[in-house]
Amino acid sequence: MKLAYLAPHQAIHTVRWVNALAARKHTVTLFTMHPGTEPLDHRIRLIKLPFMAPWGYFLNATFLKQQLTKLAPDLLHVHYASGYGTLGRLTGFRPQMLSTWGSDLFNFPQRSPLHYWALVRNLQTADLLGSTSQIMTDKIHQLCPHKTVVQIPFGVDIHRFYPRPELRNPNLLTIGTVKTLAPVYGIDILIEAFAQLRQQLQGDPLAKKLRLAIAGQGPQQAKLQALVTQLELNEVTEFSGYLPHAQVPDYLNRLDIYVAASRSESFGVAILEASACALPVVVSDTGGLPEVVKDNLTGYLVPKEQVAQFAEKLRQLVQTPTLRTTLGEAGRQWVIDHFQWPICVDLMEQAYFSLFSSAVLTGP
């Protein structure tokens, strides 16, 4: 098929989708306002839109219409129902699939009645809607009860994300995360829970082995580093900064336990990547996270913002190596059974063929 994508290049999920589809011999053109650094398949045509966000969501409509007329793709797939969704709607191109990512559903419409109206209008105009989790599908149906939604998760390449115990330092117990350093992801909760854990284990030889590893960049970095200093954790904490996606598997395999103390999250593919590496996970019981973690089987679900409960679950895992192994192995099997990347790409292709066939049958 000839596919046009309208999405942020800077988002790793955009890159994964377009690269996978190009690898399956689809002709893919990516239109974007947000340049990225993650490598694209050489067969993908990248077109940078002339106007940047936020005004670009409106001002690029004429240019994009012209480009789509020349390109004549079989369908347009728009990612993010808010800004990019508005631009996709303004093109009037059909057939059009609109995929939601989470913040566009749960945060964007709360800003004002105008934002709410724009989001609902974007959802109503698209021919097919996509989500990555059940909680997102339910939210779409609240906003647009009669629209068709396909639920396709962000899957994991289990041949890239797999256990490599040789990368782990056997003399340390490393607890860590790979997330954007923003308030919504609760990195401060992780830091405070780690500090409590060290206090609880004072006098235990395990306490000297504990390390905290934080990968990612974001607006809260300075504040989080100050918190580490305040809690006297500098000597046992490492901030690694931004990691290209290709480096994430090796980083995860340095950890013994993965934590996602998010205050809100719609899916949680980073958790699945950790599980695929056979890491036990401790995550917040919020949003779509319970859909990717089986409590007491692949890891632990903890009420969000409950620092003491995070610390307690970490203590159990730190003190029980067999428990870490059992939960980690079950987590990898959970990913293999339900979230393998090729199956997710199959589902996306099926959605495209169904949408294209419907458009052909109904005509202009």
Protein backbone atom coordinates (compact mmCIF):
# COMPACT_ATOMS: atom_id res chain seq x y z
CA MET A 1 0.00 0.00 0.00
CA LYS A 2 0.96 3.63 -0.41
CA LEU A 3 0.79 5.14 3.09
CA ALA A 4 0.99 8.74 4.22
CA TYR A 5 1.87 9.31 7.88
CA LEU A 6 1.26 12.59 9.68
CA ALA A 7 3.09 12.29 12.98
CA PRO A 8 6.03 13.56 15.08
CA HIS A 9 9.31 12.11 13.85
CA GLN A 10 10.80 12.76 17.31
CA ALA A 11 8.53 10.11 18.85
CA ILE A 12 10.09 6.65 18.87
CA HIS A 13 6.69 5.03 18.34
CA THR A 14 6.27 6.92 15.04
CA VAL A 15 9.68 5.69 13.91
CA ARG A 16 8.92 2.11 14.90
CA TRP A 17 5.63 2.08 12.98
CA VAL A 18 6.93 3.62 9.75
CA ASN A 19 10.10 1.50 9.77
CA ALA A 20 8.12 -1.70 10.31
CA LEU A 21 5.72 -0.88 7.49
CA ALA A 22 8.52 0.05 5.11
CA ALA A 23 10.19 -3.27 5.95
CA ARG A 24 6.97 -4.97 4.86
CA LYS A 25 7.25 -3.31 1.43
CA HIS A 26 4.67 -0.59 1.92
CA THR A 27 5.53 2.79 0.38
CA VAL A 28 5.65 5.23 3.30
CA THR A 29 5.84 9.02 3.35
CA LEU A 30 6.16 10.74 6.73
CA PHE A 31 4.96 14.33 7.09
CA THR A 32 6.10 15.98 10.31
CA MET A 33 6.53 19.26 12.20
CA HIS A 34 8.76 17.64 14.80
CA PRO A 35 12.17 16.53 13.42
CA GLY A 36 13.73 13.55 15.15
CA THR A 37 17.07 11.82 15.56
CA GLU A 38 15.97 8.18 15.56
CA PRO A 39 16.98 6.61 12.22
CA LEU A 40 14.37 6.03 9.54
CA ASP A 41 14.41 3.19 7.03
CA HIS A 42 16.09 4.43 3.85
CA ARG A 43 12.94 3.67 1.85
CA ILE A 44 10.84 6.19 3.80
CA ARG A 45 10.29 9.61 2.27
CA LEU A 46 10.47 12.32 4.94
CA ILE A 47 8.76 15.67 4.31
CA LYS A 48 9.14 18.42 6.90
CA LEU A 49 6.11 20.71 7.00
CA PRO A 50 6.93 24.39 6.52
CA PHE A 51 5.32 25.81 9.67
CA MET A 52 6.17 24.68 13.19
CA ALA A 53 3.72 23.91 15.98
CA PRO A 54 1.48 25.23 17.41
CA TRP A 55 0.38 27.43 14.51
CA GLY A 56 1.57 24.82 12.07
CA TYR A 57 -1.39 22.65 13.04
CA PHE A 58 -3.48 25.16 11.09
CA LEU A 59 -1.08 26.90 8.68
CA ASN A 60 0.25 23.68 7.12
CA ALA A 61 -3.17 22.59 5.87
CA THR A 62 -2.85 24.04 2.35
CA PHE A 63 0.67 22.71 1.82
CA LEU A 64 -0.30 19.28 3.10
CA LYS A 65 -3.41 19.14 0.91
CA GLN A 66 -1.24 19.86 -2.15
CA GLN A 67 1.29 17.20 -1.17
CA LEU A 68 -1.41 14.59 -0.60
CA THR A 69 -2.99 15.38 -3.95
CA LYS A 70 0.36 14.78 -5.67
CA LEU A 71 1.15 11.70 -3.63
CA ALA A 72 -2.33 10.13 -3.86
CA PRO A 73 -1.79 7.68 -0.99
CA ASP A 74 -4.19 4.83 -0.28
CA LEU A 75 -4.80 6.33 3.16
CA LEU A 76 -3.59 8.94 5.60
CA HIS A 77 -2.67 7.81 9.11
CA VAL A 78 -2.57 10.65 11.65
CA HIS A 79 -0.98 10.20 15.08
CA TYR A 80 -2.15 12.28 18.06
CA ALA A 81 -5.80 13.31 18.04
CA SER A 82 -5.07 16.85 19.23
CA GLY A 83 -2.72 19.03 17.15
CA TYR A 84 -1.88 16.63 14.34
CA GLY A 85 -5.48 15.44 14.43
CA THR A 86 -6.64 19.00 13.76
CA LEU A 87 -4.28 19.32 10.80
CA GLY A 88 -5.41 15.96 9.45
CA ARG A 89 -9.04 17.04 9.69
CA LEU A 90 -8.32 20.33 7.91
CA THR A 91 -6.86 18.48 4.91
CA GLY A 92 -10.20 16.76 4.30
CA PHE A 93 -8.29 13.72 3.03
CA ARG A 94 -10.11 10.38 3.00
CA PRO A 95 -9.75 7.63 4.00
CA GLN A 96 -8.10 8.74 7.23
CA MET A 97 -7.14 6.82 10.35
CA LEU A 98 -6.54 8.77 13.55
CA SER A 99 -4.53 7.18 16.37
CA THR A 100 -4.72 8.46 19.93
CA TRP A 101 -1.70 8.30 22.25
CA GLY A 102 -3.07 9.15 25.70
CA SER A 103 -2.38 12.77 26.66
CA ASP A 104 -4.46 13.89 23.68
CA LEU A 105 -7.47 12.09 25.19
CA PHE A 106 -6.99 12.66 28.90
CA ASN A 107 -5.25 16.05 29.16
CA PHE A 108 -5.89 18.08 26.00
CA PRO A 109 -9.71 18.30 26.25
CA GLN A 110 -9.45 19.47 29.88
CA ARG A 111 -7.77 22.74 28.91
CA SER A 112 -10.93 24.54 27.77
CA PRO A 113 -14.30 23.96 26.08
CA LEU A 114 -12.64 24.88 22.77
CA HIS A 115 -9.99 22.17 23.22
CA TYR A 116 -12.73 19.67 24.07
CA TRP A 117 -14.73 20.64 20.97
CA ALA A 118 -11.66 20.38 18.71
CA LEU A 119 -10.75 16.92 19.98
CA VAL A 120 -14.26 15.54 19.57
CA ARG A 121 -14.50 17.08 16.10
CA ASN A 122 -11.20 15.45 15.10
CA LEU A 123 -12.35 12.06 16.38
CA GLN A 124 -15.73 12.33 14.65
CA THR A 125 -14.21 13.29 11.30
CA ALA A 126 -11.75 10.39 10.99
CA ASP A 127 -12.89 7.22 9.25
CA LEU A 128 -11.20 4.90 11.76
CA LEU A 129 -9.81 5.50 15.24
CA GLY A 130 -6.90 3.70 16.89
CA SER A 131 -5.93 3.25 20.53
CA THR A 132 -3.25 1.29 22.37
CA SER A 133 -5.14 0.23 25.50
CA GLN A 134 -8.60 -0.60 26.79
CA ILE A 135 -8.73 2.48 28.99
CA MET A 136 -8.11 4.64 25.91
CA THR A 137 -10.73 2.77 23.90
CA ASP A 138 -13.25 3.35 26.68
CA LYS A 139 -12.40 7.05 26.75
CA ILE A 140 -12.89 7.36 22.98
CA HIS A 141 -16.30 5.71 23.27
CA GLN A 142 -17.26 8.20 25.99
CA LEU A 143 -16.42 11.04 23.63
CA CYS A 144 -17.72 9.46 20.41
CA PRO A 145 -20.02 6.54 21.29
CA HIS A 146 -20.61 5.24 17.79
CA LYS A 147 -17.13 5.42 16.25
CA THR A 148 -15.19 2.29 15.27
CA VAL A 149 -11.99 1.85 17.27
CA VAL A 150 -9.21 -0.64 16.63
CA GLN A 151 -7.06 -1.43 19.66
CA ILE A 152 -3.46 -2.05 18.68
CA PRO A 153 -0.80 -1.94 21.42
CA PHE A 154 2.78 -0.77 21.03
CA GLY A 155 4.48 -4.14 21.00
CA VAL A 156 7.99 -5.27 21.88
CA ASP A 157 10.64 -6.83 19.68
CA ILE A 158 11.55 -9.81 21.88
CA HIS A 159 14.65 -10.46 19.77
CA ARG A 160 16.07 -7.06 20.78
CA PHE A 161 14.64 -6.98 24.29
CA TYR A 162 15.75 -10.20 25.95
CA PRO A 163 17.65 -11.16 29.12
CA ARG A 164 21.40 -10.61 29.10
CA PRO A 165 22.47 -11.33 32.70
CA GLU A 166 26.13 -10.92 31.78
CA LEU A 167 25.56 -7.14 31.58
CA ARG A 168 24.48 -6.98 35.22
CA ASN A 169 27.00 -6.28 37.98
CA PRO A 170 26.63 -9.21 40.41
CA ASN A 171 28.04 -7.10 43.24
CA LEU A 172 25.26 -4.51 42.99
CA LEU A 173 21.47 -4.39 43.20
CA THR A 174 20.35 -1.77 40.72
CA ILE A 175 16.84 -0.31 40.72
CA GLY A 176 16.02 1.92 37.81
CA THR A 177 13.77 3.40 35.18
CA VAL A 178 13.80 4.74 31.62
CA LYS A 179 11.31 7.61 31.38
CA THR A 180 10.98 11.27 30.47
CA LEU A 181 11.92 13.35 33.51
CA ALA A 182 8.52 15.00 33.93
CA PRO A 183 6.16 15.17 36.93
CA VAL A 184 3.61 12.83 35.37
CA TYR A 185 6.09 9.94 35.44
CA GLY A 186 6.74 10.11 39.19
CA ILE A 187 10.53 9.91 39.17
CA ASP A 188 10.47 11.81 42.48
CA ILE A 189 8.38 9.00 43.98
CA LEU A 190 10.97 6.46 42.85
CA ILE A 191 13.79 8.50 44.40
CA GLU A 192 11.96 8.90 47.71
CA ALA A 193 11.04 5.19 47.79
CA PHE A 194 14.67 4.26 47.12
CA ALA A 195 15.76 6.50 50.01
CA GLN A 196 13.25 4.83 52.32
CA LEU A 197 14.44 1.42 51.19
CA ARG A 198 18.04 2.26 52.10
CA GLN A 199 16.93 3.44 55.53
CA GLN A 200 14.96 0.25 56.12
CA LEU A 201 17.98 -1.87 55.22
CA GLN A 202 20.47 0.00 57.39
CA GLY A 203 22.85 -2.53 58.88
CA ASP A 204 21.98 -5.13 56.26
CA PRO A 205 24.86 -5.85 53.82
CA LEU A 206 22.33 -5.44 51.00
CA ALA A 207 22.08 -1.73 51.70
CA LYS A 208 25.64 -1.16 50.47
CA LYS A 209 24.84 -2.90 47.20
CA LEU A 210 21.87 -0.70 46.30
CA ARG A 211 22.13 1.62 43.29
CA LEU A 212 19.58 3.88 41.59
CA ALA A 213 19.74 4.30 37.80
CA ILE A 214 17.64 6.91 36.00
CA ALA A 215 17.72 7.26 32.20
CA GLY A 216 15.92 10.02 30.34
CA GLN A 217 15.78 13.77 30.00
CA GLY A 218 13.06 16.30 30.64
CA PRO A 219 11.94 19.48 32.38
CA GLN A 220 12.25 18.08 35.90
CA GLN A 221 15.88 17.02 35.66
CA ALA A 222 17.37 19.77 37.83
CA LYS A 223 14.67 19.35 40.47
CA LEU A 224 15.18 15.59 40.59
CA GLN A 225 18.95 15.95 40.89
CA ALA A 226 18.39 18.40 43.77
CA LEU A 227 16.14 15.84 45.46
CA VAL A 228 18.86 13.20 45.15
CA THR A 229 21.31 15.60 46.77
CA GLN A 230 18.84 16.47 49.55
CA LEU A 231 18.33 12.77 50.34
CA GLU A 232 22.10 12.15 50.26
CA LEU A 233 21.90 9.69 47.39
CA ASN A 234 24.45 11.23 45.04
CA GLU A 235 27.04 8.49 45.55
CA VAL A 236 24.59 5.73 44.68
CA THR A 237 22.54 7.43 41.92
CA GLU A 238 23.30 7.73 38.22
CA PHE A 239 21.47 10.03 35.79
CA SER A 240 22.29 8.72 32.31
CA GLY A 241 20.40 11.31 30.23
CA TYR A 242 18.64 10.59 26.97
CA LEU A 243 19.11 7.10 25.52
CA PRO A 244 18.59 6.31 21.84
CA HIS A 245 16.11 3.47 21.60
CA ALA A 246 18.79 1.12 20.27
CA GLN A 247 20.65 1.47 23.59
CA VAL A 248 17.66 0.79 25.84
CA PRO A 249 17.92 -3.05 25.84
CA ASP A 250 21.49 -3.00 27.17
CA TYR A 251 20.57 -0.39 29.77
CA LEU A 252 17.62 -2.42 31.02
CA ASN A 253 19.82 -5.47 31.36
CA ARG A 254 22.02 -3.56 33.81
CA LEU A 255 19.04 -3.34 36.18
CA ASP A 256 17.75 -5.84 38.70
CA ILE A 257 14.34 -4.20 39.19
CA TYR A 258 12.39 -1.77 36.97
CA VAL A 259 10.11 0.91 38.45
CA ALA A 260 7.43 3.08 36.84
CA ALA A 261 5.90 5.24 39.57
CA SER A 262 3.77 7.21 37.11
CA ARG A 263 0.96 9.47 38.26
CA SER A 264 -0.82 8.91 34.94
CA GLU A 265 -0.06 6.76 31.92
CA SER A 266 -2.23 5.40 29.14
CA PHE A 267 -0.28 2.26 28.22
CA GLY A 268 3.31 1.58 29.34
CA VAL A 269 5.43 0.04 26.59
CA ALA A 270 8.61 0.82 28.58
CA ILE A 271 7.35 -1.56 31.25
CA LEU A 272 6.79 -4.29 28.66
CA GLU A 273 10.33 -3.74 27.36
CA ALA A 274 11.62 -4.27 30.91
CA SER A 275 9.48 -7.39 31.30
CA ALA A 276 10.80 -8.73 27.99
CA CYS A 277 14.28 -8.46 29.54
CA ALA A 278 12.97 -10.64 32.42
CA LEU A 279 13.01 -7.83 34.97
CA PRO A 280 10.48 -7.77 37.81
CA VAL A 281 8.53 -4.51 37.66
CA VAL A 282 6.97 -2.28 40.32
CA VAL A 283 4.48 0.18 38.83
CA SER A 284 1.61 2.48 39.74
CA ASP A 285 -1.90 1.10 39.63
CA THR A 286 -3.12 3.86 37.33
CA GLY A 287 -4.38 4.39 33.79
CA GLY A 288 -3.45 1.62 31.39
CA LEU A 289 -0.61 0.22 33.49
CA PRO A 290 -2.68 -2.63 34.97
CA GLU A 291 -3.14 -3.82 31.37
CA VAL A 292 0.60 -4.47 30.98
CA VAL A 293 1.42 -5.85 34.45
CA LYS A 294 -0.09 -8.93 36.08
CA ASP A 295 -0.04 -8.13 39.78
CA ASN A 296 1.94 -10.66 41.84
CA LEU A 297 2.76 -12.57 38.65
CA THR A 298 4.99 -10.31 36.50
CA GLY A 299 5.48 -7.61 39.10
CA TYR A 300 3.62 -5.44 41.58
CA LEU A 301 0.93 -2.80 41.20
CA VAL A 302 1.12 -0.08 43.86
CA PRO A 303 -1.39 2.77 44.47
CA LYS A 304 0.04 5.88 42.83
CA GLU A 305 2.07 8.29 44.95
CA GLN A 306 2.32 5.81 47.83
CA VAL A 307 6.04 6.07 48.52
CA ALA A 308 6.02 3.70 51.49
CA GLN A 309 4.28 0.96 49.51
CA PHE A 310 6.75 1.32 46.65
CA ALA A 311 9.58 1.01 49.17
CA GLU A 312 8.01 -2.10 50.71
CA LYS A 313 7.64 -3.89 47.37
CA LEU A 314 11.22 -3.00 46.50
CA ARG A 315 12.38 -4.38 49.84
CA GLN A 316 10.65 -7.70 49.15
CA LEU A 317 12.35 -7.97 45.77
CA VAL A 318 15.76 -6.88 47.01
CA GLN A 319 15.73 -9.43 49.82
CA THR A 320 14.39 -12.33 47.72
CA PRO A 321 16.47 -13.17 44.62
CA THR A 322 14.21 -16.12 43.72
CA LEU A 323 11.21 -13.79 43.68
CA ARG A 324 12.98 -11.46 41.25
CA THR A 325 13.72 -14.39 38.98
CA THR A 326 10.20 -15.82 39.14
CA LEU A 327 8.46 -12.54 38.40
CA GLY A 328 10.96 -11.62 35.69
CA GLU A 329 10.59 -14.93 33.84
CA ALA A 330 6.79 -14.68 34.03
CA GLY A 331 7.01 -11.14 32.69
CA ARG A 332 8.95 -12.20 29.63
CA GLN A 333 6.45 -14.98 28.93
CA TRP A 334 3.60 -12.45 29.34
CA VAL A 335 5.16 -10.26 26.63
CA ILE A 336 5.77 -13.23 24.34
CA ASP A 337 2.16 -14.35 24.70
CA HIS A 338 0.47 -10.96 24.28
CA PHE A 339 2.71 -8.14 23.03
CA GLN A 340 5.08 -9.34 20.33
CA TRP A 341 5.85 -6.56 17.86
CA PRO A 342 5.22 -8.51 14.61
CA ILE A 343 1.69 -9.35 15.79
CA CYS A 344 1.02 -5.67 16.46
CA VAL A 345 2.25 -4.79 12.95
CA ASP A 346 -0.06 -7.50 11.56
CA LEU A 347 -2.99 -5.84 13.34
CA MET A 348 -2.07 -2.45 11.92
CA GLU A 349 -1.87 -3.84 8.40
CA GLN A 350 -5.26 -5.50 8.84
CA ALA A 351 -6.73 -2.17 9.94
CA TYR A 352 -5.27 -0.46 6.85
CA PHE A 353 -6.59 -3.07 4.43
CA SER A 354 -10.03 -2.95 6.04
CA LEU A 355 -10.17 0.84 5.90
CA PHE A 356 -8.95 0.96 2.29
CA SER A 357 -11.42 -1.73 1.19
CA SER A 358 -14.30 0.12 2.81
CA ALA A 359 -13.28 3.33 1.10
CA VAL A 360 -13.12 1.60 -2.29
CA LEU A 361 -16.56 0.04 -1.80
CA THR A 362 -18.27 3.23 -0.65
CA GLY A 363 -16.55 5.48 -3.16
CA PRO A 364 -15.92 9.23 -2.81
